[in-house]
PDB file of all heavy atoms in Angstrom:
ATOM      1  N   SER A   1       4.120  -2.823  -5.030  1.00  0.00           N
ATOM      2  CA  SER A   1       3.212  -1.933  -5.760  1.00  0.00           C
ATOM      3  C   SER A   1       2.034  -2.776  -6.247  1.00  0.00           C
ATOM      4  O   SER A   1       2.229  -3.864  -6.782  1.00  0.00           O
ATOM      5  CB  SER A   1       3.957  -1.311  -6.946  1.00  0.00           C
ATOM      6  OG  SER A   1       3.069  -0.576  -7.738  1.00  0.00           O
ATOM      7  N   PHE A   2       0.830  -2.259  -6.060  1.00  0.00           N
ATOM      8  CA  PHE A   2      -0.347  -3.076  -6.365  1.00  0.00           C
ATOM      9  C   PHE A   2      -1.275  -2.465  -7.403  1.00  0.00           C
ATOM     10  O   PHE A   2      -2.134  -3.148  -7.930  1.00  0.00           O
ATOM     11  CB  PHE A   2      -1.122  -3.368  -5.079  1.00  0.00           C
ATOM     12  CG  PHE A   2      -0.282  -4.101  -4.068  1.00  0.00           C
ATOM     13  CD1 PHE A   2       0.377  -3.411  -3.067  1.00  0.00           C
ATOM     14  CD2 PHE A   2      -0.105  -5.468  -4.146  1.00  0.00           C
ATOM     15  CE1 PHE A   2       1.181  -4.075  -2.160  1.00  0.00           C
ATOM     16  CE2 PHE A   2       0.694  -6.145  -3.245  1.00  0.00           C
ATOM     17  CZ  PHE A   2       1.337  -5.443  -2.246  1.00  0.00           C
ATOM     18  N   GLY A   3      -1.121  -1.192  -7.725  1.00  0.00           N
ATOM     19  CA  GLY A   3      -1.991  -0.543  -8.701  1.00  0.00           C
ATOM     20  C   GLY A   3      -1.675  -0.975 -10.118  1.00  0.00           C
ATOM     21  O   GLY A   3      -0.512  -1.065 -10.502  1.00  0.00           O
ATOM     22  N   PHE A   4      -2.706  -1.267 -10.889  1.00  0.00           N
ATOM     23  CA  PHE A   4      -2.591  -1.625 -12.309  1.00  0.00           C
ATOM     24  C   PHE A   4      -1.771  -2.892 -12.545  1.00  0.00           C
ATOM     25  O   PHE A   4      -1.195  -3.062 -13.606  1.00  0.00           O
ATOM     26  CB  PHE A   4      -1.988  -0.478 -13.127  1.00  0.00           C
ATOM     27  CG  PHE A   4      -2.660   0.829 -12.915  1.00  0.00           C
ATOM     28  CD1 PHE A   4      -1.967   1.898 -12.377  1.00  0.00           C
ATOM     29  CD2 PHE A   4      -3.983   1.006 -13.263  1.00  0.00           C
ATOM     30  CE1 PHE A   4      -2.586   3.112 -12.182  1.00  0.00           C
ATOM     31  CE2 PHE A   4      -4.605   2.217 -13.075  1.00  0.00           C
ATOM     32  CZ  PHE A   4      -3.907   3.277 -12.534  1.00  0.00           C
ATOM     33  N   ARG A   5      -1.715  -3.765 -11.557  1.00  0.00           N
ATOM     34  CA  ARG A   5      -0.914  -4.980 -11.699  1.00  0.00           C
ATOM     35  C   ARG A   5      -1.831  -6.189 -11.818  1.00  0.00           C
ATOM     36  O   ARG A   5      -2.810  -6.318 -11.084  1.00  0.00           O
ATOM     37  CB  ARG A   5       0.013  -5.166 -10.489  1.00  0.00           C
ATOM     38  CG  ARG A   5       0.950  -4.002 -10.180  1.00  0.00           C
ATOM     39  CD  ARG A   5       2.092  -3.860 -11.148  1.00  0.00           C
ATOM     40  NE  ARG A   5       3.104  -4.865 -11.014  1.00  0.00           N
ATOM     41  CZ  ARG A   5       4.125  -4.794 -10.163  1.00  0.00           C
ATOM     42  NH1 ARG A   5       4.280  -3.763  -9.368  1.00  0.00           N
ATOM     43  NH2 ARG A   5       5.012  -5.757 -10.134  1.00  0.00           N
ATOM     44  N   LYS A   6      -1.474  -7.097 -12.722  1.00  0.00           N
ATOM     45  CA  LYS A   6      -2.243  -8.334 -12.883  1.00  0.00           C
ATOM     46  C   LYS A   6      -2.127  -9.180 -11.624  1.00  0.00           C
ATOM     47  O   LYS A   6      -1.058  -9.240 -11.005  1.00  0.00           O
ATOM     48  CB  LYS A   6      -1.703  -9.146 -14.061  1.00  0.00           C
ATOM     49  CG  LYS A   6      -2.191  -8.674 -15.389  1.00  0.00           C
ATOM     50  CD  LYS A   6      -1.743  -9.644 -16.462  1.00  0.00           C
ATOM     51  CE  LYS A   6      -2.275  -9.206 -17.798  1.00  0.00           C
ATOM     52  NZ  LYS A   6      -1.865 -10.099 -18.860  1.00  0.00           N
ATOM     53  N   PHE A   7      -3.203  -9.825 -11.294  1.00  0.00           N
ATOM     54  CA  PHE A   7      -3.268 -10.757 -10.166  1.00  0.00           C
ATOM     55  C   PHE A   7      -2.944 -10.092  -8.832  1.00  0.00           C
ATOM     56  O   PHE A   7      -2.520 -10.748  -7.898  1.00  0.00           O
ATOM     57  CB  PHE A   7      -2.362 -11.973 -10.402  1.00  0.00           C
ATOM     58  CG  PHE A   7      -2.522 -12.587 -11.761  1.00  0.00           C
ATOM     59  CD1 PHE A   7      -1.480 -12.576 -12.671  1.00  0.00           C
ATOM     60  CD2 PHE A   7      -3.726 -13.148 -12.147  1.00  0.00           C
ATOM     61  CE1 PHE A   7      -1.624 -13.127 -13.929  1.00  0.00           C
ATOM     62  CE2 PHE A   7      -3.878 -13.700 -13.408  1.00  0.00           C
ATOM     63  CZ  PHE A   7      -2.834 -13.690 -14.306  1.00  0.00           C
ATOM     64  N   ARG A   8      -3.111  -8.762  -8.747  1.00  0.00           N
ATOM     65  CA  ARG A   8      -2.910  -8.046  -7.486  1.00  0.00           C
ATOM     66  C   ARG A   8      -4.155  -7.223  -7.213  1.00  0.00           C
ATOM     67  O   ARG A   8      -4.794  -6.729  -8.130  1.00  0.00           O
ATOM     68  CB  ARG A   8      -1.682  -7.148  -7.550  1.00  0.00           C
ATOM     69  CG  ARG A   8      -0.413  -7.956  -7.705  1.00  0.00           C
ATOM     70  CD  ARG A   8       0.780  -7.075  -7.692  1.00  0.00           C
ATOM     71  NE  ARG A   8       1.960  -7.859  -8.016  1.00  0.00           N
ATOM     72  CZ  ARG A   8       3.158  -7.574  -7.575  1.00  0.00           C
ATOM     73  NH1 ARG A   8       3.358  -6.540  -6.803  1.00  0.00           N
ATOM     74  NH2 ARG A   8       4.184  -8.320  -7.914  1.00  0.00           N
ATOM     75  N   SER A   9      -4.469  -7.066  -5.942  1.00  0.00           N
ATOM     76  CA  SER A   9      -5.712  -6.398  -5.588  1.00  0.00           C
ATOM     77  C   SER A   9      -5.531  -5.534  -4.348  1.00  0.00           C
ATOM     78  O   SER A   9      -4.466  -5.501  -3.732  1.00  0.00           O
ATOM     79  CB  SER A   9      -6.787  -7.452  -5.307  1.00  0.00           C
ATOM     80  OG  SER A   9      -6.448  -8.175  -4.126  1.00  0.00           O
ATOM     81  N   THR A  10      -6.618  -4.893  -3.965  1.00  0.00           N
ATOM     82  CA  THR A  10      -6.649  -4.100  -2.746  1.00  0.00           C
ATOM     83  C   THR A  10      -6.351  -4.997  -1.545  1.00  0.00           C
ATOM     84  O   THR A  10      -5.680  -4.577  -0.600  1.00  0.00           O
ATOM     85  CB  THR A  10      -8.023  -3.430  -2.587  1.00  0.00           C
ATOM     86  OG1 THR A  10      -8.306  -2.704  -3.773  1.00  0.00           O
ATOM     87  CG2 THR A  10      -8.059  -2.504  -1.397  1.00  0.00           C
ATOM     88  N   HIS A  11      -6.835  -6.231  -1.588  1.00  0.00           N
ATOM     89  CA  HIS A  11      -6.589  -7.181  -0.489  1.00  0.00           C
ATOM     90  C   HIS A  11      -5.094  -7.451  -0.329  1.00  0.00           C
ATOM     91  O   HIS A  11      -4.601  -7.560   0.798  1.00  0.00           O
ATOM     92  CB  HIS A  11      -7.336  -8.498  -0.730  1.00  0.00           C
ATOM     93  CG  HIS A  11      -8.818  -8.341  -0.743  1.00  0.00           C
ATOM     94  ND1 HIS A  11      -9.558  -8.031   0.369  1.00  0.00           N
ATOM     95  CD2 HIS A  11      -9.700  -8.424  -1.765  1.00  0.00           C
ATOM     96  CE1 HIS A  11     -10.825  -7.943   0.055  1.00  0.00           C
ATOM     97  NE2 HIS A  11     -10.948  -8.175  -1.244  1.00  0.00           N
ATOM     98  N   ASP A  12      -4.376  -7.536  -1.437  1.00  0.00           N
ATOM     99  CA  ASP A  12      -2.926  -7.738  -1.369  1.00  0.00           C
ATOM    100  C   ASP A  12      -2.245  -6.521  -0.744  1.00  0.00           C
ATOM    101  O   ASP A  12      -1.300  -6.668   0.038  1.00  0.00           O
ATOM    102  CB  ASP A  12      -2.349  -7.994  -2.766  1.00  0.00           C
ATOM    103  CG  ASP A  12      -2.876  -9.275  -3.375  1.00  0.00           C
ATOM    104  OD1 ASP A  12      -2.956 -10.290  -2.666  1.00  0.00           O
ATOM    105  OD2 ASP A  12      -3.213  -9.245  -4.573  1.00  0.00           O
ATOM    106  N   ALA A  13      -2.709  -5.332  -1.086  1.00  0.00           N
ATOM    107  CA  ALA A  13      -2.142  -4.105  -0.513  1.00  0.00           C
ATOM    108  C   ALA A  13      -2.409  -4.059   0.991  1.00  0.00           C
ATOM    109  O   ALA A  13      -1.520  -3.699   1.780  1.00  0.00           O
ATOM    110  CB  ALA A  13      -2.718  -2.876  -1.209  1.00  0.00           C
ATOM    111  N   CYS A  14      -3.615  -4.442   1.401  1.00  0.00           N
ATOM    112  CA  CYS A  14      -3.952  -4.477   2.835  1.00  0.00           C
ATOM    113  C   CYS A  14      -3.090  -5.489   3.573  1.00  0.00           C
ATOM    114  O   CYS A  14      -2.621  -5.240   4.688  1.00  0.00           O
ATOM    115  CB  CYS A  14      -5.434  -4.793   3.027  1.00  0.00           C
ATOM    116  SG  CYS A  14      -6.537  -3.472   2.509  1.00  0.00           S
ATOM    117  N   LYS A  15      -2.876  -6.641   2.968  1.00  0.00           N
ATOM    118  CA  LYS A  15      -2.030  -7.680   3.567  1.00  0.00           C
ATOM    119  C   LYS A  15      -0.604  -7.152   3.758  1.00  0.00           C
ATOM    120  O   LYS A  15       0.006  -7.347   4.808  1.00  0.00           O
ATOM    121  CB  LYS A  15      -2.018  -8.919   2.682  1.00  0.00           C
ATOM    122  CG  LYS A  15      -1.149 -10.047   3.197  1.00  0.00           C
ATOM    123  CD  LYS A  15      -1.169 -11.234   2.230  1.00  0.00           C
ATOM    124  CE  LYS A  15      -0.166 -12.279   2.624  1.00  0.00           C
ATOM    125  NZ  LYS A  15      -0.115 -13.378   1.643  1.00  0.00           N
ATOM    126  N   GLN A  16      -0.071  -6.457   2.742  1.00  0.00           N
ATOM    127  CA  GLN A  16       1.279  -5.897   2.827  1.00  0.00           C
ATOM    128  C   GLN A  16       1.357  -4.848   3.937  1.00  0.00           C
ATOM    129  O   GLN A  16       2.326  -4.821   4.701  1.00  0.00           O
ATOM    130  CB  GLN A  16       1.696  -5.287   1.488  1.00  0.00           C
ATOM    131  CG  GLN A  16       3.086  -4.710   1.473  1.00  0.00           C
ATOM    132  CD  GLN A  16       4.173  -5.748   1.666  1.00  0.00           C
ATOM    133  OE1 GLN A  16       4.024  -6.884   1.269  1.00  0.00           O
ATOM    134  NE2 GLN A  16       5.267  -5.359   2.288  1.00  0.00           N
ATOM    135  N   ALA A  17       0.335  -4.002   4.034  1.00  0.00           N
ATOM    136  CA  ALA A  17       0.310  -2.984   5.092  1.00  0.00           C
ATOM    137  C   ALA A  17       0.276  -3.657   6.466  1.00  0.00           C
ATOM    138  O   ALA A  17       0.990  -3.249   7.388  1.00  0.00           O
ATOM    139  CB  ALA A  17      -0.893  -2.068   4.909  1.00  0.00           C
ATOM    140  N   PHE A  18      -0.540  -4.697   6.618  1.00  0.00           N
ATOM    141  CA  PHE A  18      -0.611  -5.423   7.879  1.00  0.00           C
ATOM    142  C   PHE A  18       0.741  -6.025   8.241  1.00  0.00           C
ATOM    143  O   PHE A  18       1.201  -5.921   9.388  1.00  0.00           O
ATOM    144  CB  PHE A  18      -1.679  -6.520   7.826  1.00  0.00           C
ATOM    145  CG  PHE A  18      -1.771  -7.309   9.093  1.00  0.00           C
ATOM    146  CD1 PHE A  18      -2.465  -6.814  10.192  1.00  0.00           C
ATOM    147  CD2 PHE A  18      -1.131  -8.540   9.203  1.00  0.00           C
ATOM    148  CE1 PHE A  18      -2.528  -7.542  11.374  1.00  0.00           C
ATOM    149  CE2 PHE A  18      -1.196  -9.266  10.382  1.00  0.00           C
ATOM    150  CZ  PHE A  18      -1.898  -8.770  11.471  1.00  0.00           C
ATOM    151  N   LEU A  19       1.393  -6.667   7.255  1.00  0.00           N
ATOM    152  CA  LEU A  19       2.701  -7.275   7.521  1.00  0.00           C
ATOM    153  C   LEU A  19       3.722  -6.235   7.973  1.00  0.00           C
ATOM    154  O   LEU A  19       4.505  -6.481   8.888  1.00  0.00           O
ATOM    155  CB  LEU A  19       3.214  -8.003   6.281  1.00  0.00           C
ATOM    156  CG  LEU A  19       2.493  -9.299   5.911  1.00  0.00           C
ATOM    157  CD1 LEU A  19       2.977  -9.806   4.558  1.00  0.00           C
ATOM    158  CD2 LEU A  19       2.705 -10.354   6.985  1.00  0.00           C
ATOM    159  N   CYS A  20       3.702  -5.075   7.353  1.00  0.00           N
ATOM    160  CA  CYS A  20       4.666  -4.022   7.704  1.00  0.00           C
ATOM    161  C   CYS A  20       4.367  -3.400   9.063  1.00  0.00           C
ATOM    162  O   CYS A  20       5.281  -2.999   9.783  1.00  0.00           O
ATOM    163  CB  CYS A  20       4.668  -2.926   6.647  1.00  0.00           C
ATOM    164  SG  CYS A  20       5.378  -3.451   5.091  1.00  0.00           S
ATOM    165  N   LEU A  21       3.099  -3.323   9.416  1.00  0.00           N
ATOM    166  CA  LEU A  21       2.711  -2.626  10.643  1.00  0.00           C
ATOM    167  C   LEU A  21       2.542  -3.537  11.854  1.00  0.00           C
ATOM    168  O   LEU A  21       2.333  -3.056  12.962  1.00  0.00           O
ATOM    169  CB  LEU A  21       1.401  -1.862  10.402  1.00  0.00           C
ATOM    170  CG  LEU A  21       1.465  -0.776   9.336  1.00  0.00           C
ATOM    171  CD1 LEU A  21       0.083  -0.245   9.025  1.00  0.00           C
ATOM    172  CD2 LEU A  21       2.397   0.339   9.776  1.00  0.00           C
ATOM    173  N   SER A  22       2.657  -4.847  11.669  1.00  0.00           N
ATOM    174  CA  SER A  22       2.391  -5.774  12.771  1.00  0.00           C
ATOM    175  C   SER A  22       3.624  -6.102  13.614  1.00  0.00           C
ATOM    176  O   SER A  22       3.504  -6.808  14.614  1.00  0.00           O
ATOM    177  CB  SER A  22       1.782  -7.073  12.229  1.00  0.00           C
ATOM    178  OG  SER A  22       2.710  -7.734  11.391  1.00  0.00           O
ATOM    179  N   HIS A  23       4.776  -5.605  13.248  1.00  0.00           N
ATOM    180  CA  HIS A  23       5.998  -5.885  14.017  1.00  0.00           C
ATOM    181  C   HIS A  23       6.076  -4.997  15.255  1.00  0.00           C
ATOM    182  O   HIS A  23       5.471  -3.927  15.315  1.00  0.00           O
ATOM    183  CB  HIS A  23       7.245  -5.658  13.151  1.00  0.00           C
ATOM    184  CG  HIS A  23       7.284  -6.546  11.937  1.00  0.00           C
ATOM    185  ND1 HIS A  23       7.479  -7.899  12.013  1.00  0.00           N
ATOM    186  CD2 HIS A  23       7.136  -6.263  10.620  1.00  0.00           C
ATOM    187  CE1 HIS A  23       7.449  -8.421  10.801  1.00  0.00           C
ATOM    188  NE2 HIS A  23       7.234  -7.440   9.939  1.00  0.00           N
ATOM    189  N   THR A  24       6.873  -5.417  16.230  1.00  0.00           N
ATOM    190  CA  THR A  24       7.041  -4.649  17.460  1.00  0.00           C
ATOM    191  C   THR A  24       7.571  -3.246  17.159  1.00  0.00           C
ATOM    192  O   THR A  24       7.108  -2.265  17.733  1.00  0.00           O
ATOM    193  CB  THR A  24       8.021  -5.388  18.413  1.00  0.00           C
ATOM    194  OG1 THR A  24       7.550  -6.722  18.596  1.00  0.00           O
ATOM    195  CG2 THR A  24       8.125  -4.675  19.740  1.00  0.00           C
ATOM    196  N   TYR A  25       8.551  -3.160  16.291  1.00  0.00           N
ATOM    197  CA  TYR A  25       9.145  -1.862  15.955  1.00  0.00           C
ATOM    198  C   TYR A  25       8.650  -1.376  14.594  1.00  0.00           C
ATOM    199  O   TYR A  25       9.429  -0.984  13.740  1.00  0.00           O
ATOM    200  CB  TYR A  25      10.673  -1.956  15.972  1.00  0.00           C
ATOM    201  CG  TYR A  25      11.206  -2.273  17.342  1.00  0.00           C
ATOM    202  CD1 TYR A  25      11.656  -3.549  17.653  1.00  0.00           C
ATOM    203  CD2 TYR A  25      11.215  -1.307  18.338  1.00  0.00           C
ATOM    204  CE1 TYR A  25      12.127  -3.857  18.919  1.00  0.00           C
ATOM    205  CE2 TYR A  25      11.676  -1.601  19.609  1.00  0.00           C
ATOM    206  CZ  TYR A  25      12.134  -2.875  19.890  1.00  0.00           C
ATOM    207  OH  TYR A  25      12.585  -3.168  21.145  1.00  0.00           O
ATOM    208  N   ALA A  26       7.366  -1.431  14.406  1.00  0.00           N
ATOM    209  CA  ALA A  26       6.764  -1.029  13.130  1.00  0.00           C
ATOM    210  C   ALA A  26       6.611   0.483  13.063  1.00  0.00           C
ATOM    211  O   ALA A  26       6.598   1.169  14.086  1.00  0.00           O
ATOM    212  CB  ALA A  26       5.394  -1.687  12.992  1.00  0.00           C
ATOM    213  N   PRO A  27       6.496   1.013  11.872  1.00  0.00           N
ATOM    214  CA  PRO A  27       6.226   2.449  11.728  1.00  0.00           C
ATOM    215  C   PRO A  27       4.926   2.814  12.439  1.00  0.00           C
ATOM    216  O   PRO A  27       4.017   1.987  12.564  1.00  0.00           O
ATOM    217  CB  PRO A  27       6.071   2.646  10.214  1.00  0.00           C
ATOM    218  CG  PRO A  27       6.691   1.458   9.584  1.00  0.00           C
ATOM    219  CD  PRO A  27       6.571   0.342  10.574  1.00  0.00           C
ATOM    220  N   VAL A  28       4.859   4.038  12.902  1.00  0.00           N
ATOM    221  CA  VAL A  28       3.643   4.490  13.585  1.00  0.00           C
ATOM    222  C   VAL A  28       2.795   5.398  12.687  1.00  0.00           C
ATOM    223  O   VAL A  28       1.706   5.791  13.066  1.00  0.00           O
ATOM    224  CB  VAL A  28       3.966   5.217  14.912  1.00  0.00           C
ATOM    225  CG1 VAL A  28       4.580   4.238  15.910  1.00  0.00           C
ATOM    226  CG2 VAL A  28       4.889   6.389  14.677  1.00  0.00           C
ATOM    227  N   TRP A  29       3.314   5.745  11.543  1.00  0.00           N
ATOM    228  CA  TRP A  29       2.590   6.601  10.610  1.00  0.00           C
ATOM    229  C   TRP A  29       2.393   5.876   9.275  1.00  0.00           C
ATOM    230  O   TRP A  29       3.250   5.114   8.844  1.00  0.00           O
ATOM    231  CB  TRP A  29       3.373   7.892  10.321  1.00  0.00           C
ATOM    232  CG  TRP A  29       3.476   8.791  11.507  1.00  0.00           C
ATOM    233  CD1 TRP A  29       4.482   8.813  12.425  1.00  0.00           C
ATOM    234  CD2 TRP A  29       2.542   9.777  11.910  1.00  0.00           C
ATOM    235  NE1 TRP A  29       4.248   9.758  13.377  1.00  0.00           N
ATOM    236  CE2 TRP A  29       3.046  10.380  13.077  1.00  0.00           C
ATOM    237  CE3 TRP A  29       1.323  10.214  11.409  1.00  0.00           C
ATOM    238  CZ2 TRP A  29       2.384  11.392  13.744  1.00  0.00           C
ATOM    239  CZ3 TRP A  29       0.668  11.233  12.071  1.00  0.00           C
ATOM    240  CH2 TRP A  29       1.193  11.806  13.220  1.00  0.00           C
ATOM    241  N   VAL A  30       1.285   6.150   8.644  1.00  0.00           N
ATOM    242  CA  VAL A  30       1.017   5.657   7.302  1.00  0.00           C
ATOM    243  C   VAL A  30       0.741   6.880   6.444  1.00  0.00           C
ATOM    244  O   VAL A  30      -0.091   7.719   6.792  1.00  0.00           O
ATOM    245  CB  VAL A  30      -0.209   4.712   7.258  1.00  0.00           C
ATOM    246  CG1 VAL A  30      -0.548   4.333   5.823  1.00  0.00           C
ATOM    247  CG2 VAL A  30       0.058   3.469   8.096  1.00  0.00           C
ATOM    248  N   LEU A  31       1.474   6.993   5.363  1.00  0.00           N
ATOM    249  CA  LEU A  31       1.293   8.125   4.450  1.00  0.00           C
ATOM    250  C   LEU A  31       0.620   7.623   3.180  1.00  0.00           C
ATOM    251  O   LEU A  31       1.103   6.693   2.540  1.00  0.00           O
ATOM    252  CB  LEU A  31       2.662   8.743   4.106  1.00  0.00           C
ATOM    253  CG  LEU A  31       2.657   9.886   3.111  1.00  0.00           C
ATOM    254  CD1 LEU A  31       1.931  11.096   3.689  1.00  0.00           C
ATOM    255  CD2 LEU A  31       4.084  10.261   2.756  1.00  0.00           C
ATOM    256  N   GLU A  32      -0.515   8.206   2.880  1.00  0.00           N
ATOM    257  CA  GLU A  32      -1.226   7.845   1.662  1.00  0.00           C
ATOM    258  C   GLU A  32      -1.037   8.978   0.669  1.00  0.00           C
ATOM    259  O   GLU A  32      -1.081  10.153   1.035  1.00  0.00           O
ATOM    260  CB  GLU A  32      -2.717   7.659   1.943  1.00  0.00           C
ATOM    261  CG  GLU A  32      -3.496   7.307   0.707  1.00  0.00           C
ATOM    262  CD  GLU A  32      -4.998   7.238   0.942  1.00  0.00           C
ATOM    263  OE1 GLU A  32      -5.447   7.398   2.080  1.00  0.00           O
ATOM    264  OE2 GLU A  32      -5.711   7.030  -0.051  1.00  0.00           O
ATOM    265  N   GLY A  33      -0.803   8.632  -0.576  1.00  0.00           N
ATOM    266  CA  GLY A  33      -0.594   9.659  -1.592  1.00  0.00           C
ATOM    267  C   GLY A  33      -1.313   9.330  -2.881  1.00  0.00           C
ATOM    268  O   GLY A  33      -1.676   8.192  -3.133  1.00  0.00           O
ATOM    269  N   ASP A  34      -1.517  10.341  -3.658  1.00  0.00           N
ATOM    270  CA  ASP A  34      -2.148  10.182  -4.963  1.00  0.00           C
ATOM    271  C   ASP A  34      -1.447  11.146  -5.905  1.00  0.00           C
ATOM    272  O   ASP A  34      -1.271  12.322  -5.583  1.00  0.00           O
ATOM    273  CB  ASP A  34      -3.643  10.519  -4.865  1.00  0.00           C
ATOM    274  CG  ASP A  34      -4.382  10.284  -6.168  1.00  0.00           C
ATOM    275  OD1 ASP A  34      -3.870   9.541  -7.034  1.00  0.00           O
ATOM    276  OD2 ASP A  34      -5.474  10.854  -6.335  1.00  0.00           O
ATOM    277  N   ILE A  35      -1.036  10.651  -7.038  1.00  0.00           N
ATOM    278  CA  ILE A  35      -0.393  11.516  -8.023  1.00  0.00           C
ATOM    279  C   ILE A  35      -1.498  12.173  -8.835  1.00  0.00           C
ATOM    280  O   ILE A  35      -2.173  11.512  -9.626  1.00  0.00           O
ATOM    281  CB  ILE A  35       0.564  10.723  -8.930  1.00  0.00           C
ATOM    282  CG1 ILE A  35       1.631  10.040  -8.091  1.00  0.00           C
ATOM    283  CG2 ILE A  35       1.176  11.641  -9.983  1.00  0.00           C
ATOM    284  CD1 ILE A  35       2.491   9.062  -8.866  1.00  0.00           C
ATOM    285  N   LYS A  36      -1.690  13.459  -8.602  1.00  0.00           N
ATOM    286  CA  LYS A  36      -2.764  14.186  -9.275  1.00  0.00           C
ATOM    287  C   LYS A  36      -2.514  14.208 -10.782  1.00  0.00           C
ATOM    288  O   LYS A  36      -1.464  14.630 -11.243  1.00  0.00           O
ATOM    289  CB  LYS A  36      -2.852  15.613  -8.736  1.00  0.00           C
ATOM    290  CG  LYS A  36      -4.011  16.392  -9.300  1.00  0.00           C
ATOM    291  CD  LYS A  36      -4.098  17.767  -8.694  1.00  0.00           C
ATOM    292  CE  LYS A  36      -5.282  18.509  -9.296  1.00  0.00           C
ATOM    293  NZ  LYS A  36      -5.389  19.853  -8.737  1.00  0.00           N
ATOM    294  N   GLY A  37      -3.498  13.730 -11.518  1.00  0.00           N
ATOM    295  CA  GLY A  37      -3.399  13.746 -12.973  1.00  0.00           C
ATOM    296  C   GLY A  37      -2.258  12.913 -13.514  1.00  0.00           C
ATOM    297  O   GLY A  37      -1.651  13.279 -14.516  1.00  0.00           O
ATOM    298  N   CYS A  38      -1.960  11.783 -12.879  1.00  0.00           N
ATOM    299  CA  CYS A  38      -0.831  10.940 -13.302  1.00  0.00           C
ATOM    300  C   CYS A  38      -0.896  10.615 -14.787  1.00  0.00           C
ATOM    301  O   CYS A  38       0.062  10.847 -15.515  1.00  0.00           O
ATOM    302  CB  CYS A  38      -0.798   9.665 -12.476  1.00  0.00           C
ATOM    303  SG  CYS A  38       0.453   8.486 -13.021  1.00  0.00           S
ATOM    304  N   PHE A  39      -2.020  10.085 -15.230  1.00  0.00           N
ATOM    305  CA  PHE A  39      -2.149   9.715 -16.643  1.00  0.00           C
ATOM    306  C   PHE A  39      -2.060  10.940 -17.544  1.00  0.00           C
ATOM    307  O   PHE A  39      -1.540  10.865 -18.652  1.00  0.00           O
ATOM    308  CB  PHE A  39      -3.468   8.989 -16.909  1.00  0.00           C
ATOM    309  CG  PHE A  39      -3.477   7.566 -16.449  1.00  0.00           C
ATOM    310  CD1 PHE A  39      -4.066   7.219 -15.246  1.00  0.00           C
ATOM    311  CD2 PHE A  39      -2.894   6.569 -17.207  1.00  0.00           C
ATOM    312  CE1 PHE A  39      -4.086   5.909 -14.820  1.00  0.00           C
ATOM    313  CE2 PHE A  39      -2.905   5.252 -16.794  1.00  0.00           C
ATOM    314  CZ  PHE A  39      -3.505   4.922 -15.594  1.00  0.00           C
ATOM    315  N   ASP A  40      -2.578  12.076 -17.075  1.00  0.00           N
ATOM    316  CA  ASP A  40      -2.608  13.290 -17.897  1.00  0.00           C
ATOM    317  C   ASP A  40      -1.250  13.965 -18.034  1.00  0.00           C
ATOM    318  O   ASP A  40      -1.027  14.719 -18.974  1.00  0.00           O
ATOM    319  CB  ASP A  40      -3.595  14.309 -17.315  1.00  0.00           C
ATOM    320  CG  ASP A  40      -5.011  13.790 -17.273  1.00  0.00           C
ATOM    321  OD1 ASP A  40      -5.351  12.943 -18.124  1.00  0.00           O
ATOM    322  OD2 ASP A  40      -5.779  14.211 -16.389  1.00  0.00           O
TER     323      ASP A  40
END
């Protein structure tokens, strides 16, 4: 998890996505989500 974390950034999230998707038997779908009004 990279949101709201110290010393973590979008670049770290991209690196994690690359690591997960670069394997031979990697997932073929990426699901992006947003919790509407999370703070509220």
